[in-house]
Amino acid sequence: MLPLLPWWIAACSAPAETGPKGPPPAVVAVAPVRAGTLADTWSYLGDVRALERAELAAGASGAVTSVAVREGDAIAVDQVLLEVDLALAAAEWNAARADAARIEEQLAQAGRTRDRLKRVESGVLAESELEAAESNVKALAASVDSAHAAVRVAGAKLERHRVRAPFAGVVARRYVDPGDWVDPGKVVLDVVSTGTVEVQVEAPLQLAGRIRAGDEAELRGIDTVSASVVGVVPALDPVSRTAAIRLSPAEVPGWLVPGTPVQVAFRVQHDGGLVVPRDAVVKAANEARVFAVSDGVARSVAVTELASSAEEVLVQAESLAAGDEVVVRGNERLRPDQPVQVAE
């Protein structure tokens, strides 16, 4: 028979009574989930381009006799920028003008002769003489028309020896100097317009499919300039697999010059999801989750982010609905199904 232990030893060795243990309720703040749309910002690099740019070429063969401009010079529309030896073309033009003047004088003389014959009394002259005079006037009138056409042709040939500015702008490149020989089609000057520029973005299809003419965007460089979309090319480049989007700035500050790269921020509208505060989304291990509070318990819900703004995120989730409450503060250390106490 075992000896009886003293009561104080038996009391110390008896197992203590324990109840169910778990994490204490966490104090959290919550916010409601809402259905709706969300606009976020997509940013791409764009190029500032002159609205008009031209490679000017000579229209005739010959030696360059004068170049009136250099790189950076301002030009006015129709200004003569360059001349190719025009001695022969000018001589042909002057000869055509002189020939036209000679025939015009012959026509005037023939007209006076016809008019005198018409004043002669009937029966004095043979009818054939008056008919011949009338025929001579008509023939000379046709010759005058032909001579005027020859003058225009000679003038056009002469003009091909001059290179004129097609628009107001500046000279970007100069390729020839006086004495250089040029042939028709050889580029002699590059010119770009000033004061009017556009921005072009090569964008992926997912953006191009959401942007329409008239949509607003921001150009971000030294400062921010608003712009509007003026055109979207509905086809992808076969090499880059991108679509061109053209934008017109509302103003053209001094830093927005052709050739400048600029960040273009588009506001893209999204729908088909649930909007939650940005603070509600917890990211870990390449996944995003929110904690939805129901009956004092935080339930972990996996979500897919569709879009985001500075304050909110548009998500998709199978077990989340508009009107649910999600934790926005105190969710960093929450565990699934942990009791919570909502702070007032």
Protein backbone atom coordinates (compact mmCIF):
# COMPACT_ATOMS: atom_id res chain seq x y z
CA MET A 1 0.00 0.00 0.00
CA LEU A 2 1.46 3.37 -1.13
CA PRO A 3 1.92 6.02 1.52
CA LEU A 4 -0.37 9.02 1.37
CA LEU A 5 1.30 12.23 0.18
CA PRO A 6 0.95 15.41 2.21
CA TRP A 7 -1.89 17.58 0.98
CA TRP A 8 0.37 20.40 -0.12
CA ILE A 9 2.42 18.11 -2.33
CA ALA A 10 -0.67 16.58 -3.86
CA ALA A 11 -2.05 20.05 -4.54
CA CYS A 12 1.13 21.17 -6.31
CA SER A 13 1.32 18.12 -8.52
CA ALA A 14 -2.35 18.19 -9.62
CA PRO A 15 -2.82 19.37 -13.27
CA ALA A 16 -4.04 22.97 -13.59
CA GLU A 17 -7.39 23.51 -15.25
CA THR A 18 -6.98 25.31 -18.63
CA GLY A 19 -9.54 26.58 -21.09
CA PRO A 20 -9.19 27.07 -24.88
CA LYS A 21 -6.43 29.54 -25.71
CA GLY A 22 -6.10 31.67 -28.91
CA PRO A 23 -4.90 35.05 -30.15
CA PRO A 24 -6.64 37.92 -28.42
CA PRO A 25 -8.99 40.11 -30.44
CA ALA A 26 -7.02 42.59 -32.53
CA VAL A 27 -8.21 46.18 -32.58
CA VAL A 28 -8.75 47.23 -36.20
CA ALA A 29 -10.34 49.92 -38.32
CA VAL A 30 -12.58 48.97 -41.23
CA ALA A 31 -14.02 50.55 -44.37
CA PRO A 32 -16.79 49.41 -46.71
CA VAL A 33 -16.32 47.75 -50.09
CA ARG A 34 -18.13 49.43 -52.97
CA ALA A 35 -19.00 48.48 -56.50
CA GLY A 36 -18.03 50.90 -59.23
CA THR A 37 -15.31 52.06 -61.59
CA LEU A 38 -11.82 53.34 -61.01
CA ALA A 39 -9.47 55.40 -63.14
CA ASP A 40 -5.75 54.87 -62.83
CA THR A 41 -2.74 56.36 -64.61
CA TRP A 42 -0.75 54.59 -67.31
CA SER A 43 2.49 56.31 -68.23
CA TYR A 44 4.50 55.87 -71.43
CA LEU A 45 7.41 57.65 -73.09
CA GLY A 46 6.51 59.87 -76.02
CA ASP A 47 8.42 61.93 -78.58
CA VAL A 48 7.78 65.60 -79.30
CA ARG A 49 7.54 66.11 -83.04
CA ALA A 50 7.12 69.12 -85.27
CA LEU A 51 3.65 69.23 -86.76
CA GLU A 52 5.29 69.88 -90.12
CA ARG A 53 8.73 68.69 -91.20
CA ALA A 54 10.08 68.61 -94.74
CA GLU A 55 13.17 67.49 -96.61
CA LEU A 56 13.58 70.06 -99.36
CA ALA A 57 15.16 69.00 -102.64
CA ALA A 58 16.28 70.80 -105.74
CA GLY A 59 14.09 70.44 -108.81
CA ALA A 60 16.80 70.89 -111.43
CA SER A 61 20.39 69.95 -112.14
CA GLY A 62 23.14 72.50 -111.77
CA ALA A 63 25.57 74.19 -109.47
CA VAL A 64 24.28 75.79 -106.29
CA THR A 65 24.72 79.55 -106.67
CA SER A 66 23.40 80.70 -103.27
CA VAL A 67 22.19 79.34 -99.95
CA ALA A 68 20.42 82.01 -97.91
CA VAL A 69 20.10 80.14 -94.60
CA ARG A 70 21.97 78.06 -92.05
CA GLU A 71 20.90 75.71 -89.25
CA GLY A 72 18.67 77.43 -86.73
CA ASP A 73 17.67 80.31 -89.01
CA ALA A 74 14.00 81.27 -88.94
CA ILE A 75 12.23 81.07 -92.28
CA ALA A 76 9.00 82.54 -93.62
CA VAL A 77 6.57 80.76 -95.89
CA ASP A 78 7.54 81.04 -99.58
CA GLN A 79 10.96 82.49 -98.73
CA VAL A 80 13.70 81.60 -101.27
CA LEU A 81 16.21 79.48 -99.35
CA LEU A 82 18.49 78.23 -102.12
CA GLU A 83 19.11 78.77 -105.83
CA VAL A 84 20.61 76.49 -108.46
CA ASP A 85 22.29 78.11 -111.48
CA LEU A 86 19.29 79.55 -113.31
CA ALA A 87 21.01 81.42 -116.17
CA LEU A 88 19.77 79.08 -118.91
CA ALA A 89 16.27 78.72 -117.42
CA ALA A 90 15.99 82.51 -117.02
CA ALA A 91 17.06 83.02 -120.64
CA GLU A 92 14.40 80.57 -121.84
CA TRP A 93 11.79 82.34 -119.74
CA ASN A 94 12.76 85.76 -121.10
CA ALA A 95 12.68 84.40 -124.65
CA ALA A 96 9.21 82.96 -124.11
CA ARG A 97 7.96 86.26 -122.72
CA ALA A 98 9.43 88.17 -125.67
CA ASP A 99 7.84 85.75 -128.15
CA ALA A 100 4.49 86.16 -126.42
CA ALA A 101 4.80 89.95 -126.57
CA ARG A 102 5.64 89.81 -130.29
CA ILE A 103 2.61 87.67 -131.09
CA GLU A 104 0.37 89.88 -128.95
CA GLU A 105 1.48 92.89 -131.03
CA GLN A 106 0.77 90.96 -134.25
CA LEU A 107 -2.70 90.14 -132.92
CA ALA A 108 -3.36 93.79 -132.10
CA GLN A 109 -2.26 94.86 -135.59
CA ALA A 110 -4.40 92.18 -137.23
CA GLY A 111 -7.37 93.32 -135.20
CA ARG A 112 -6.94 96.92 -136.33
CA THR A 113 -6.68 95.81 -139.97
CA ARG A 114 -9.86 93.75 -139.68
CA ASP A 115 -11.70 96.67 -138.10
CA ARG A 116 -10.68 99.02 -140.97
CA LEU A 117 -11.89 96.51 -143.53
CA LYS A 118 -15.23 96.26 -141.76
CA ARG A 119 -15.69 100.04 -142.18
CA VAL A 120 -15.20 99.92 -145.92
CA GLU A 121 -18.47 100.34 -147.85
CA SER A 122 -20.14 97.19 -149.05
CA GLY A 123 -19.19 96.16 -152.55
CA VAL A 124 -15.79 97.86 -152.57
CA LEU A 125 -13.87 94.88 -151.12
CA ALA A 126 -14.21 91.25 -151.96
CA GLU A 127 -15.89 89.27 -149.17
CA SER A 128 -12.91 86.92 -149.13
CA GLU A 129 -10.60 89.75 -147.97
CA LEU A 130 -12.67 90.35 -144.84
CA GLU A 131 -12.87 86.61 -144.16
CA ALA A 132 -9.10 86.34 -144.49
CA ALA A 133 -8.60 89.19 -142.02
CA GLU A 134 -11.00 87.57 -139.55
CA SER A 135 -9.23 84.23 -139.91
CA ASN A 136 -5.84 85.87 -139.31
CA VAL A 137 -7.10 87.42 -136.07
CA LYS A 138 -8.35 84.06 -134.80
CA ALA A 139 -5.09 82.31 -135.71
CA LEU A 140 -3.02 84.93 -133.93
CA ALA A 141 -5.30 84.75 -130.88
CA ALA A 142 -4.61 81.00 -130.70
CA SER A 143 -0.88 81.71 -131.08
CA VAL A 144 -1.06 84.16 -128.18
CA ASP A 145 -2.66 81.48 -125.98
CA SER A 146 0.10 79.06 -126.98
CA ALA A 147 2.78 81.67 -126.28
CA HIS A 148 1.34 82.37 -122.82
CA ALA A 149 1.41 78.64 -122.09
CA ALA A 150 5.06 78.55 -123.15
CA VAL A 151 5.79 81.42 -120.75
CA ARG A 152 4.18 79.49 -117.91
CA VAL A 153 6.19 76.36 -118.75
CA ALA A 154 9.42 78.36 -118.86
CA GLY A 155 8.50 80.03 -115.57
CA ALA A 156 7.87 76.67 -113.94
CA LYS A 157 11.25 75.42 -115.17
CA LEU A 158 12.87 78.55 -113.80
CA GLU A 159 11.14 78.07 -110.43
CA ARG A 160 12.56 74.57 -110.17
CA HIS A 161 15.96 76.20 -109.75
CA ARG A 162 14.76 77.82 -106.53
CA VAL A 163 14.01 76.08 -103.23
CA ARG A 164 11.33 77.89 -101.23
CA ALA A 165 10.08 77.43 -97.67
CA PRO A 166 6.78 75.50 -97.67
CA PHE A 167 5.86 76.84 -94.22
CA ALA A 168 7.18 79.11 -91.47
CA GLY A 169 9.72 77.45 -89.21
CA VAL A 170 13.45 76.94 -88.79
CA VAL A 171 16.22 75.23 -90.71
CA ALA A 172 17.15 71.96 -89.04
CA ARG A 173 19.92 70.76 -91.43
CA ARG A 174 21.82 72.21 -94.36
CA TYR A 175 23.51 69.76 -96.70
CA VAL A 176 25.03 71.88 -99.51
CA ASP A 177 27.09 75.02 -100.05
CA PRO A 178 27.50 77.33 -103.06
CA GLY A 179 29.38 75.53 -105.80
CA ASP A 180 28.02 72.07 -104.99
CA TRP A 181 26.40 70.23 -107.90
CA VAL A 182 22.90 68.96 -107.31
CA ASP A 183 20.48 66.84 -109.28
CA PRO A 184 16.68 66.74 -109.10
CA GLY A 185 15.50 65.06 -105.91
CA LYS A 186 18.71 65.58 -103.93
CA VAL A 187 17.86 66.80 -100.41
CA VAL A 188 19.49 70.15 -99.71
CA LEU A 189 17.73 71.36 -96.55
CA ASP A 190 15.64 69.98 -93.68
CA VAL A 191 13.10 72.40 -92.21
CA VAL A 192 10.68 72.07 -89.30
CA SER A 193 7.73 74.18 -88.27
CA THR A 194 7.76 76.06 -84.98
CA GLY A 195 5.04 76.94 -82.51
CA THR A 196 2.99 73.88 -83.38
CA VAL A 197 4.11 70.47 -82.15
CA GLU A 198 2.52 67.15 -81.37
CA VAL A 199 3.52 64.22 -79.19
CA GLN A 200 3.51 60.66 -80.45
CA VAL A 201 3.43 57.60 -78.20
CA GLU A 202 4.08 54.05 -79.35
CA ALA A 203 1.70 52.20 -77.04
CA PRO A 204 0.76 48.54 -76.56
CA LEU A 205 -2.60 47.33 -77.76
CA GLN A 206 -4.04 47.19 -74.24
CA LEU A 207 -3.73 50.99 -74.01
CA ALA A 208 -4.54 51.81 -77.63
CA GLY A 209 -7.78 49.86 -77.33
CA ARG A 210 -8.90 52.05 -74.40
CA ILE A 211 -7.96 55.47 -75.80
CA ARG A 212 -10.13 57.53 -78.14
CA ALA A 213 -9.71 60.87 -79.90
CA GLY A 214 -10.66 63.64 -77.49
CA ASP A 215 -9.40 61.85 -74.36
CA GLU A 216 -7.25 63.92 -72.03
CA ALA A 217 -3.66 63.20 -70.95
CA GLU A 218 -0.75 64.93 -69.23
CA LEU A 219 2.71 65.66 -70.61
CA ARG A 220 5.28 65.55 -67.81
CA GLY A 221 8.67 67.16 -68.28
CA ILE A 222 10.08 70.27 -66.62
CA ASP A 223 6.48 70.96 -65.70
CA THR A 224 3.08 69.45 -66.55
CA VAL A 225 1.11 70.35 -69.67
CA SER A 226 -2.36 69.08 -70.48
CA ALA A 227 -2.91 67.48 -73.87
CA SER A 228 -5.69 65.85 -75.83
CA VAL A 229 -5.61 62.77 -78.03
CA VAL A 230 -6.07 63.75 -81.68
CA GLY A 231 -5.61 60.36 -83.28
CA VAL A 232 -5.07 56.67 -82.63
CA VAL A 233 -3.71 54.47 -85.42
CA PRO A 234 -5.92 51.34 -85.44
CA ALA A 235 -3.11 49.01 -86.50
CA LEU A 236 0.03 47.62 -84.89
CA ASP A 237 3.52 48.23 -86.22
CA PRO A 238 4.71 44.85 -87.59
CA VAL A 239 8.10 45.20 -85.87
CA SER A 240 7.38 46.83 -82.49
CA ARG A 241 3.81 45.51 -82.18
CA THR A 242 2.70 48.92 -80.91
CA ALA A 243 0.09 51.42 -82.07
CA ALA A 244 0.76 55.13 -82.54
CA ILE A 245 -1.18 57.62 -80.43
CA ARG A 246 -0.94 61.31 -81.37
CA LEU A 247 -1.55 64.09 -78.86
CA SER A 248 -1.86 67.85 -79.18
CA PRO A 249 -0.63 69.93 -76.20
CA ALA A 250 -2.89 72.68 -74.91
CA GLU A 251 0.15 74.99 -74.84
CA VAL A 252 3.72 74.83 -76.05
CA PRO A 253 6.21 75.92 -73.35
CA GLY A 254 9.83 76.55 -74.23
CA TRP A 255 11.01 73.09 -73.17
CA LEU A 256 8.51 71.27 -75.40
CA VAL A 257 10.61 71.26 -78.57
CA PRO A 258 10.85 68.65 -81.35
CA GLY A 259 13.07 65.76 -80.37
CA THR A 260 12.39 66.02 -76.64
CA PRO A 261 11.32 62.78 -74.88
CA VAL A 262 8.40 63.32 -72.53
CA GLN A 263 6.38 61.16 -70.15
CA VAL A 264 2.73 60.92 -71.20
CA ALA A 265 0.23 59.98 -68.49
CA PHE A 266 -3.14 58.60 -69.61
CA ARG A 267 -6.16 58.27 -67.34
CA VAL A 268 -7.68 54.85 -68.02
CA GLN A 269 -11.15 53.97 -66.74
CA HIS A 270 -11.77 50.44 -65.43
CA ASP A 271 -14.98 48.72 -64.36
CA GLY A 272 -16.20 45.23 -63.55
CA GLY A 273 -14.79 44.92 -60.05
CA LEU A 274 -14.98 46.06 -56.43
CA VAL A 275 -13.31 49.16 -55.05
CA VAL A 276 -11.45 48.89 -51.74
CA PRO A 277 -9.17 51.37 -49.97
CA ARG A 278 -5.51 50.96 -50.86
CA ASP A 279 -4.69 50.40 -47.15
CA ALA A 280 -6.91 47.32 -47.16
CA VAL A 281 -4.67 45.37 -49.55
CA VAL A 282 -1.91 43.29 -47.98
CA LYS A 283 0.73 41.86 -50.31
CA ALA A 284 2.90 38.88 -49.52
CA ALA A 285 4.47 36.05 -51.49
CA ASN A 286 3.37 37.52 -54.84
CA GLU A 287 -0.29 37.60 -53.87
CA ALA A 288 -2.68 40.24 -52.65
CA ARG A 289 -5.25 39.76 -49.89
CA VAL A 290 -7.77 41.69 -47.86
CA PHE A 291 -9.30 40.84 -44.48
CA ALA A 292 -13.08 40.97 -44.51
CA VAL A 293 -14.68 41.35 -41.06
CA SER A 294 -17.79 39.31 -40.29
CA ASP A 295 -19.20 38.44 -36.83
CA GLY A 296 -16.07 39.71 -35.12
CA VAL A 297 -13.70 37.52 -37.17
CA ALA A 298 -11.23 38.59 -39.86
CA ARG A 299 -11.59 36.40 -42.92
CA SER A 300 -8.67 36.35 -45.40
CA VAL A 301 -9.77 36.87 -49.02
CA ALA A 302 -7.44 36.58 -52.03
CA VAL A 303 -7.96 39.38 -54.54
CA THR A 304 -6.77 40.22 -58.06
CA GLU A 305 -5.82 43.84 -58.63
CA LEU A 306 -7.26 45.36 -61.80
CA ALA A 307 -6.32 49.00 -61.32
CA SER A 308 -5.19 51.38 -58.63
CA SER A 309 -5.17 55.07 -57.79
CA ALA A 310 -3.53 57.01 -54.99
CA GLU A 311 -6.29 56.07 -52.52
CA GLU A 312 -8.18 53.06 -53.90
CA VAL A 313 -7.73 49.73 -55.67
CA LEU A 314 -10.12 47.99 -58.06
CA VAL A 315 -10.10 44.25 -57.33
CA GLN A 316 -11.81 41.02 -58.24
CA ALA A 317 -12.57 38.39 -55.58
CA GLU A 318 -14.94 35.44 -55.51
CA SER A 319 -15.90 35.77 -51.83
CA LEU A 320 -16.16 39.54 -51.51
CA ALA A 321 -19.20 41.70 -52.19
CA ALA A 322 -20.18 45.35 -52.16
CA GLY A 323 -21.10 46.38 -48.64
CA ASP A 324 -18.63 44.04 -46.93
CA GLU A 325 -16.23 45.65 -44.48
CA VAL A 326 -12.48 45.22 -44.88
CA VAL A 327 -9.69 46.04 -42.45
CA VAL A 328 -7.76 49.19 -43.35
CA ARG A 329 -5.71 49.59 -40.18
CA GLY A 330 -4.24 46.84 -38.04
CA ASN A 331 -4.18 44.26 -40.82
CA GLU A 332 -0.39 43.92 -41.02
CA ARG A 333 -0.24 41.17 -38.36
CA LEU A 334 -3.67 39.65 -38.71
CA ARG A 335 -4.02 35.91 -39.16
CA PRO A 336 -6.89 34.22 -40.98
CA ASP A 337 -9.98 33.80 -38.79
CA GLN A 338 -8.48 35.87 -35.97
CA PRO A 339 -11.02 37.60 -33.68
CA VAL A 340 -11.05 41.37 -34.11
CA GLN A 341 -12.52 44.31 -32.34
CA VAL A 342 -13.54 47.22 -34.53
CA ALA A 343 -12.31 50.52 -33.16
CA GLU A 344 -14.99 53.15 -32.76
